[in-house]
PDB file of all heavy atoms in Angstrom:
ATOM      1  N   LYS A   1     -23.106  -4.640-133.385  1.00  0.00           N
ATOM      2  CA  LYS A   1     -22.949  -3.722-134.552  1.00  0.00           C
ATOM      3  C   LYS A   1     -22.725  -2.258-133.947  1.00  0.00           C
ATOM      4  O   LYS A   1     -21.977  -1.506-134.416  1.00  0.00           O
ATOM      5  CB  LYS A   1     -24.145  -3.712-135.437  1.00  0.00           C
ATOM      6  CG  LYS A   1     -24.081  -4.990-136.328  1.00  0.00           C
ATOM      7  CD  LYS A   1     -25.206  -4.810-137.374  1.00  0.00           C
ATOM      8  CE  LYS A   1     -25.126  -6.076-138.336  1.00  0.00           C
ATOM      9  NZ  LYS A   1     -23.847  -6.125-139.132  1.00  0.00           N
ATOM     10  N   TYR A   2     -23.584  -1.938-132.812  1.00  0.00           N
ATOM     11  CA  TYR A   2     -23.370  -0.680-132.182  1.00  0.00           C
ATOM     12  C   TYR A   2     -21.932  -0.481-131.652  1.00  0.00           C
ATOM     13  O   TYR A   2     -21.353   0.588-131.957  1.00  0.00           O
ATOM     14  CB  TYR A   2     -24.360  -0.561-131.009  1.00  0.00           C
ATOM     15  CG  TYR A   2     -24.367   0.874-130.379  1.00  0.00           C
ATOM     16  CD1 TYR A   2     -25.049   1.849-130.931  1.00  0.00           C
ATOM     17  CD2 TYR A   2     -23.575   1.083-129.256  1.00  0.00           C
ATOM     18  CE1 TYR A   2     -25.056   3.141-130.341  1.00  0.00           C
ATOM     19  CE2 TYR A   2     -23.570   2.277-128.607  1.00  0.00           C
ATOM     20  CZ  TYR A   2     -24.362   3.317-129.212  1.00  0.00           C
ATOM     21  OH  TYR A   2     -24.282   4.625-128.624  1.00  0.00           O
ATOM     22  N   ALA A   3     -21.393  -1.489-131.046  1.00  0.00           N
ATOM     23  CA  ALA A   3     -19.988  -1.355-130.554  1.00  0.00           C
ATOM     24  C   ALA A   3     -19.066  -1.203-131.677  1.00  0.00           C
ATOM     25  O   ALA A   3     -18.032  -0.429-131.566  1.00  0.00           O
ATOM     26  CB  ALA A   3     -19.688  -2.584-129.715  1.00  0.00           C
ATOM     27  N   TYR A   4     -19.265  -1.899-132.758  1.00  0.00           N
ATOM     28  CA  TYR A   4     -18.357  -1.748-133.937  1.00  0.00           C
ATOM     29  C   TYR A   4     -18.395  -0.331-134.462  1.00  0.00           C
ATOM     30  O   TYR A   4     -17.228   0.241-134.684  1.00  0.00           O
ATOM     31  CB  TYR A   4     -18.836  -2.715-135.074  1.00  0.00           C
ATOM     32  CG  TYR A   4     -18.111  -2.533-136.379  1.00  0.00           C
ATOM     33  CD1 TYR A   4     -16.769  -3.092-136.520  1.00  0.00           C
ATOM     34  CD2 TYR A   4     -18.664  -1.820-137.406  1.00  0.00           C
ATOM     35  CE1 TYR A   4     -16.124  -2.879-137.798  1.00  0.00           C
ATOM     36  CE2 TYR A   4     -17.958  -1.644-138.573  1.00  0.00           C
ATOM     37  CZ  TYR A   4     -16.686  -2.170-138.774  1.00  0.00           C
ATOM     38  OH  TYR A   4     -16.056  -1.936-139.943  1.00  0.00           O
ATOM     39  N   TYR A   5     -19.585   0.292-134.705  1.00  0.00           N
ATOM     40  CA  TYR A   5     -19.573   1.599-135.259  1.00  0.00           C
ATOM     41  C   TYR A   5     -19.153   2.618-134.312  1.00  0.00           C
ATOM     42  O   TYR A   5     -18.598   3.750-134.574  1.00  0.00           O
ATOM     43  CB  TYR A   5     -20.917   1.870-135.830  1.00  0.00           C
ATOM     44  CG  TYR A   5     -21.191   1.191-137.158  1.00  0.00           C
ATOM     45  CD1 TYR A   5     -22.015   0.022-137.167  1.00  0.00           C
ATOM     46  CD2 TYR A   5     -20.410   1.471-138.250  1.00  0.00           C
ATOM     47  CE1 TYR A   5     -22.209  -0.666-138.455  1.00  0.00           C
ATOM     48  CE2 TYR A   5     -20.547   0.777-139.517  1.00  0.00           C
ATOM     49  CZ  TYR A   5     -21.473  -0.317-139.531  1.00  0.00           C
ATOM     50  OH  TYR A   5     -21.527  -0.997-140.682  1.00  0.00           O
ATOM     51  N   LEU A   6     -19.350   2.411-132.987  1.00  0.00           N
ATOM     52  CA  LEU A   6     -18.812   3.275-131.969  1.00  0.00           C
ATOM     53  C   LEU A   6     -17.302   3.248-132.058  1.00  0.00           C
ATOM     54  O   LEU A   6     -16.593   4.318-131.970  1.00  0.00           O
ATOM     55  CB  LEU A   6     -19.251   2.771-130.572  1.00  0.00           C
ATOM     56  CG  LEU A   6     -18.541   3.497-129.364  1.00  0.00           C
ATOM     57  CD1 LEU A   6     -18.856   4.997-129.408  1.00  0.00           C
ATOM     58  CD2 LEU A   6     -19.223   2.890-128.105  1.00  0.00           C
ATOM     59  N   ASP A   7     -16.679   2.158-132.120  1.00  0.00           N
ATOM     60  CA  ASP A   7     -15.202   1.998-132.366  1.00  0.00           C
ATOM     61  C   ASP A   7     -14.683   2.725-133.591  1.00  0.00           C
ATOM     62  O   ASP A   7     -13.682   3.500-133.509  1.00  0.00           O
ATOM     63  CB  ASP A   7     -14.768   0.547-132.433  1.00  0.00           C
ATOM     64  CG  ASP A   7     -14.860  -0.267-131.153  1.00  0.00           C
ATOM     65  OD1 ASP A   7     -14.913   0.433-130.096  1.00  0.00           O
ATOM     66  OD2 ASP A   7     -14.773  -1.461-131.229  1.00  0.00           O
ATOM     67  N   LYS A   8     -15.476   2.672-134.679  1.00  0.00           N
ATOM     68  CA  LYS A   8     -15.128   3.364-135.921  1.00  0.00           C
ATOM     69  C   LYS A   8     -15.257   4.870-135.692  1.00  0.00           C
ATOM     70  O   LYS A   8     -14.464   5.627-136.411  1.00  0.00           O
ATOM     71  CB  LYS A   8     -15.883   2.831-137.053  1.00  0.00           C
ATOM     72  CG  LYS A   8     -15.640   1.335-137.444  1.00  0.00           C
ATOM     73  CD  LYS A   8     -14.156   1.177-137.689  1.00  0.00           C
ATOM     74  CE  LYS A   8     -13.669  -0.219-137.877  1.00  0.00           C
ATOM     75  NZ  LYS A   8     -12.181  -0.356-138.019  1.00  0.00           N
ATOM     76  N   LEU A   9     -16.267   5.335-135.064  1.00  0.00           N
ATOM     77  CA  LEU A   9     -16.395   6.671-134.784  1.00  0.00           C
ATOM     78  C   LEU A   9     -15.205   7.284-134.014  1.00  0.00           C
ATOM     79  O   LEU A   9     -14.660   8.303-134.324  1.00  0.00           O
ATOM     80  CB  LEU A   9     -17.749   6.928-134.016  1.00  0.00           C
ATOM     81  CG  LEU A   9     -18.088   8.423-133.727  1.00  0.00           C
ATOM     82  CD1 LEU A   9     -19.436   8.842-134.322  1.00  0.00           C
ATOM     83  CD2 LEU A   9     -18.036   8.716-132.185  1.00  0.00           C
ATOM     84  N   VAL A  10     -14.807   6.481-132.931  1.00  0.00           N
ATOM     85  CA  VAL A  10     -13.723   6.915-132.154  1.00  0.00           C
ATOM     86  C   VAL A  10     -12.378   6.986-132.999  1.00  0.00           C
ATOM     87  O   VAL A  10     -11.608   7.787-132.785  1.00  0.00           O
ATOM     88  CB  VAL A  10     -13.590   6.050-130.927  1.00  0.00           C
ATOM     89  CG1 VAL A  10     -12.209   6.346-130.163  1.00  0.00           C
ATOM     90  CG2 VAL A  10     -14.729   6.089-129.988  1.00  0.00           C
ATOM     91  N   ASP A  11     -12.209   6.018-133.854  1.00  0.00           N
ATOM     92  CA  ASP A  11     -11.040   6.008-134.684  1.00  0.00           C
ATOM     93  C   ASP A  11     -10.944   7.204-135.538  1.00  0.00           C
ATOM     94  O   ASP A  11      -9.850   7.843-135.735  1.00  0.00           O
ATOM     95  CB  ASP A  11     -11.123   4.800-135.678  1.00  0.00           C
ATOM     96  CG  ASP A  11     -10.772   3.423-134.877  1.00  0.00           C
ATOM     97  OD1 ASP A  11     -10.251   3.477-133.726  1.00  0.00           O
ATOM     98  OD2 ASP A  11     -11.158   2.351-135.456  1.00  0.00           O
ATOM     99  N   ILE A  12     -12.015   7.685-136.107  1.00  0.00           N
ATOM    100  CA  ILE A  12     -12.095   8.966-136.898  1.00  0.00           C
ATOM    101  C   ILE A  12     -11.702  10.136-136.009  1.00  0.00           C
ATOM    102  O   ILE A  12     -10.881  11.014-136.414  1.00  0.00           O
ATOM    103  CB  ILE A  12     -13.464   9.115-137.581  1.00  0.00           C
ATOM    104  CG1 ILE A  12     -13.699   7.991-138.526  1.00  0.00           C
ATOM    105  CG2 ILE A  12     -13.484  10.432-138.339  1.00  0.00           C
ATOM    106  CD1 ILE A  12     -15.106   7.939-139.033  1.00  0.00           C
ATOM    107  N   LEU A  13     -12.316  10.198-134.829  1.00  0.00           N
ATOM    108  CA  LEU A  13     -12.145  11.313-133.923  1.00  0.00           C
ATOM    109  C   LEU A  13     -10.732  11.420-133.471  1.00  0.00           C
ATOM    110  O   LEU A  13     -10.230  12.555-133.182  1.00  0.00           O
ATOM    111  CB  LEU A  13     -13.081  11.177-132.692  1.00  0.00           C
ATOM    112  CG  LEU A  13     -14.510  11.444-133.001  1.00  0.00           C
ATOM    113  CD1 LEU A  13     -15.413  11.063-131.799  1.00  0.00           C
ATOM    114  CD2 LEU A  13     -14.908  12.874-133.459  1.00  0.00           C
ATOM    115  N   ALA A  14     -10.117  10.284-133.234  1.00  0.00           N
ATOM    116  CA  ALA A  14      -8.696  10.222-132.718  1.00  0.00           C
ATOM    117  C   ALA A  14      -7.666  10.671-133.735  1.00  0.00           C
ATOM    118  O   ALA A  14      -6.500  10.743-133.326  1.00  0.00           O
ATOM    119  CB  ALA A  14      -8.379   8.783-132.186  1.00  0.00           C
ATOM    120  N   GLN A  15      -8.003  10.888-134.967  1.00  0.00           N
ATOM    121  CA  GLN A  15      -7.001  11.337-135.875  1.00  0.00           C
ATOM    122  C   GLN A  15      -6.472  12.745-135.610  1.00  0.00           C
ATOM    123  O   GLN A  15      -7.119  13.587-134.985  1.00  0.00           O
ATOM    124  CB  GLN A  15      -7.626  11.377-137.323  1.00  0.00           C
ATOM    125  CG  GLN A  15      -8.103   9.991-137.884  1.00  0.00           C
ATOM    126  CD  GLN A  15      -8.731  10.132-139.170  1.00  0.00           C
ATOM    127  OE1 GLN A  15      -8.105   9.812-140.186  1.00  0.00           O
ATOM    128  NE2 GLN A  15      -9.927  10.717-139.228  1.00  0.00           N
ATOM    129  N   PRO A  16      -5.271  13.018-136.124  1.00  0.00           N
ATOM    130  CA  PRO A  16      -4.771  14.486-136.122  1.00  0.00           C
ATOM    131  C   PRO A  16      -5.734  15.341-136.854  1.00  0.00           C
ATOM    132  O   PRO A  16      -6.506  14.959-137.758  1.00  0.00           O
ATOM    133  CB  PRO A  16      -3.447  14.418-136.834  1.00  0.00           C
ATOM    134  CG  PRO A  16      -3.002  12.959-136.719  1.00  0.00           C
ATOM    135  CD  PRO A  16      -4.222  12.084-136.805  1.00  0.00           C
ATOM    136  N   ALA A  17      -5.850  16.571-136.378  1.00  0.00           N
ATOM    137  CA  ALA A  17      -6.903  17.472-137.029  1.00  0.00           C
ATOM    138  C   ALA A  17      -6.779  17.614-138.471  1.00  0.00           C
ATOM    139  O   ALA A  17      -7.816  17.746-139.229  1.00  0.00           O
ATOM    140  CB  ALA A  17      -6.737  18.842-136.284  1.00  0.00           C
ATOM    141  N   LYS A  18      -5.513  17.661-139.013  1.00  0.00           N
ATOM    142  CA  LYS A  18      -5.363  17.758-140.441  1.00  0.00           C
ATOM    143  C   LYS A  18      -5.988  16.624-141.239  1.00  0.00           C
ATOM    144  O   LYS A  18      -6.430  16.790-142.396  1.00  0.00           O
ATOM    145  CB  LYS A  18      -3.929  17.921-140.848  1.00  0.00           C
ATOM    146  CG  LYS A  18      -3.059  16.589-140.564  1.00  0.00           C
ATOM    147  CD  LYS A  18      -1.645  16.768-141.027  1.00  0.00           C
ATOM    148  CE  LYS A  18      -0.865  15.516-140.807  1.00  0.00           C
ATOM    149  NZ  LYS A  18       0.518  15.703-141.301  1.00  0.00           N
ATOM    150  N   GLU A  19      -6.193  15.459-140.538  1.00  0.00           N
ATOM    151  CA  GLU A  19      -6.707  14.263-141.277  1.00  0.00           C
ATOM    152  C   GLU A  19      -8.210  14.423-141.374  1.00  0.00           C
ATOM    153  O   GLU A  19      -8.876  13.671-142.153  1.00  0.00           O
ATOM    154  CB  GLU A  19      -6.436  13.003-140.533  1.00  0.00           C
ATOM    155  CG  GLU A  19      -4.884  12.725-140.559  1.00  0.00           C
ATOM    156  CD  GLU A  19      -4.373  12.499-141.994  1.00  0.00           C
ATOM    157  OE1 GLU A  19      -5.075  11.963-142.817  1.00  0.00           O
ATOM    158  OE2 GLU A  19      -3.159  12.803-142.165  1.00  0.00           O
ATOM    159  N   TYR A  20      -8.882  15.289-140.673  1.00  0.00           N
ATOM    160  CA  TYR A  20     -10.359  15.572-140.720  1.00  0.00           C
ATOM    161  C   TYR A  20     -10.586  16.204-142.107  1.00  0.00           C
ATOM    162  O   TYR A  20     -11.755  16.128-142.624  1.00  0.00           O
ATOM    163  CB  TYR A  20     -10.763  16.575-139.623  1.00  0.00           C
ATOM    164  CG  TYR A  20     -10.819  16.039-138.322  1.00  0.00           C
ATOM    165  CD1 TYR A  20     -11.258  16.921-137.284  1.00  0.00           C
ATOM    166  CD2 TYR A  20     -10.487  14.698-137.990  1.00  0.00           C
ATOM    167  CE1 TYR A  20     -11.262  16.390-135.916  1.00  0.00           C
ATOM    168  CE2 TYR A  20     -10.567  14.185-136.684  1.00  0.00           C
ATOM    169  CZ  TYR A  20     -10.962  15.174-135.676  1.00  0.00           C
ATOM    170  OH  TYR A  20     -10.963  14.609-134.353  1.00  0.00           O
ATOM    171  N   ASN A  21      -9.628  16.905-142.657  1.00  0.00           N
ATOM    172  CA  ASN A  21      -9.718  17.625-143.943  1.00  0.00           C
ATOM    173  C   ASN A  21     -10.939  18.654-143.897  1.00  0.00           C
ATOM    174  O   ASN A  21     -11.728  18.638-144.787  1.00  0.00           O
ATOM    175  CB  ASN A  21     -10.015  16.616-145.063  1.00  0.00           C
ATOM    176  CG  ASN A  21      -9.752  17.216-146.466  1.00  0.00           C
ATOM    177  OD1 ASN A  21      -9.040  18.183-146.632  1.00  0.00           O
ATOM    178  ND2 ASN A  21     -10.346  16.641-147.459  1.00  0.00           N
ATOM    179  N   LEU A  22     -11.007  19.421-142.876  1.00  0.00           N
ATOM    180  CA  LEU A  22     -12.025  20.553-142.709  1.00  0.00           C
ATOM    181  C   LEU A  22     -11.343  21.766-142.595  1.00  0.00           C
ATOM    182  O   LEU A  22     -10.166  22.009-142.154  1.00  0.00           O
ATOM    183  CB  LEU A  22     -12.853  20.200-141.463  1.00  0.00           C
ATOM    184  CG  LEU A  22     -13.506  18.878-141.382  1.00  0.00           C
ATOM    185  CD1 LEU A  22     -14.082  18.644-139.966  1.00  0.00           C
ATOM    186  CD2 LEU A  22     -14.634  18.840-142.417  1.00  0.00           C
ATOM    187  N   SER A  23     -11.969  22.949-142.974  1.00  0.00           N
ATOM    188  CA  SER A  23     -11.372  24.213-142.963  1.00  0.00           C
ATOM    189  C   SER A  23     -12.391  25.345-142.433  1.00  0.00           C
ATOM    190  O   SER A  23     -12.118  26.484-142.563  1.00  0.00           O
ATOM    191  CB  SER A  23     -10.893  24.570-144.348  1.00  0.00           C
ATOM    192  OG  SER A  23     -11.948  24.640-145.229  1.00  0.00           O
ATOM    193  N   SER A  24     -13.497  24.913-141.914  1.00  0.00           N
ATOM    194  CA  SER A  24     -14.472  25.835-141.579  1.00  0.00           C
ATOM    195  C   SER A  24     -15.039  25.442-140.172  1.00  0.00           C
ATOM    196  O   SER A  24     -14.916  24.284-139.716  1.00  0.00           O
ATOM    197  CB  SER A  24     -15.693  25.798-142.615  1.00  0.00           C
ATOM    198  OG  SER A  24     -16.763  26.400-142.162  1.00  0.00           O
ATOM    199  N   PRO A  25     -15.667  26.451-139.477  1.00  0.00           N
ATOM    200  CA  PRO A  25     -16.237  26.141-138.145  1.00  0.00           C
ATOM    201  C   PRO A  25     -17.697  25.679-138.223  1.00  0.00           C
ATOM    202  O   PRO A  25     -18.256  25.255-137.203  1.00  0.00           O
ATOM    203  CB  PRO A  25     -16.142  27.479-137.410  1.00  0.00           C
ATOM    204  CG  PRO A  25     -16.354  28.372-138.569  1.00  0.00           C
ATOM    205  CD  PRO A  25     -15.673  27.847-139.749  1.00  0.00           C
TER     206      PRO A  25
END
């Protein structure tokens, strides 16, 4: 399970910045 959620965390981080949908520091 740890490996699965680590993979999912990396998938989110690997997105283009615009896909984060953030606008603040």
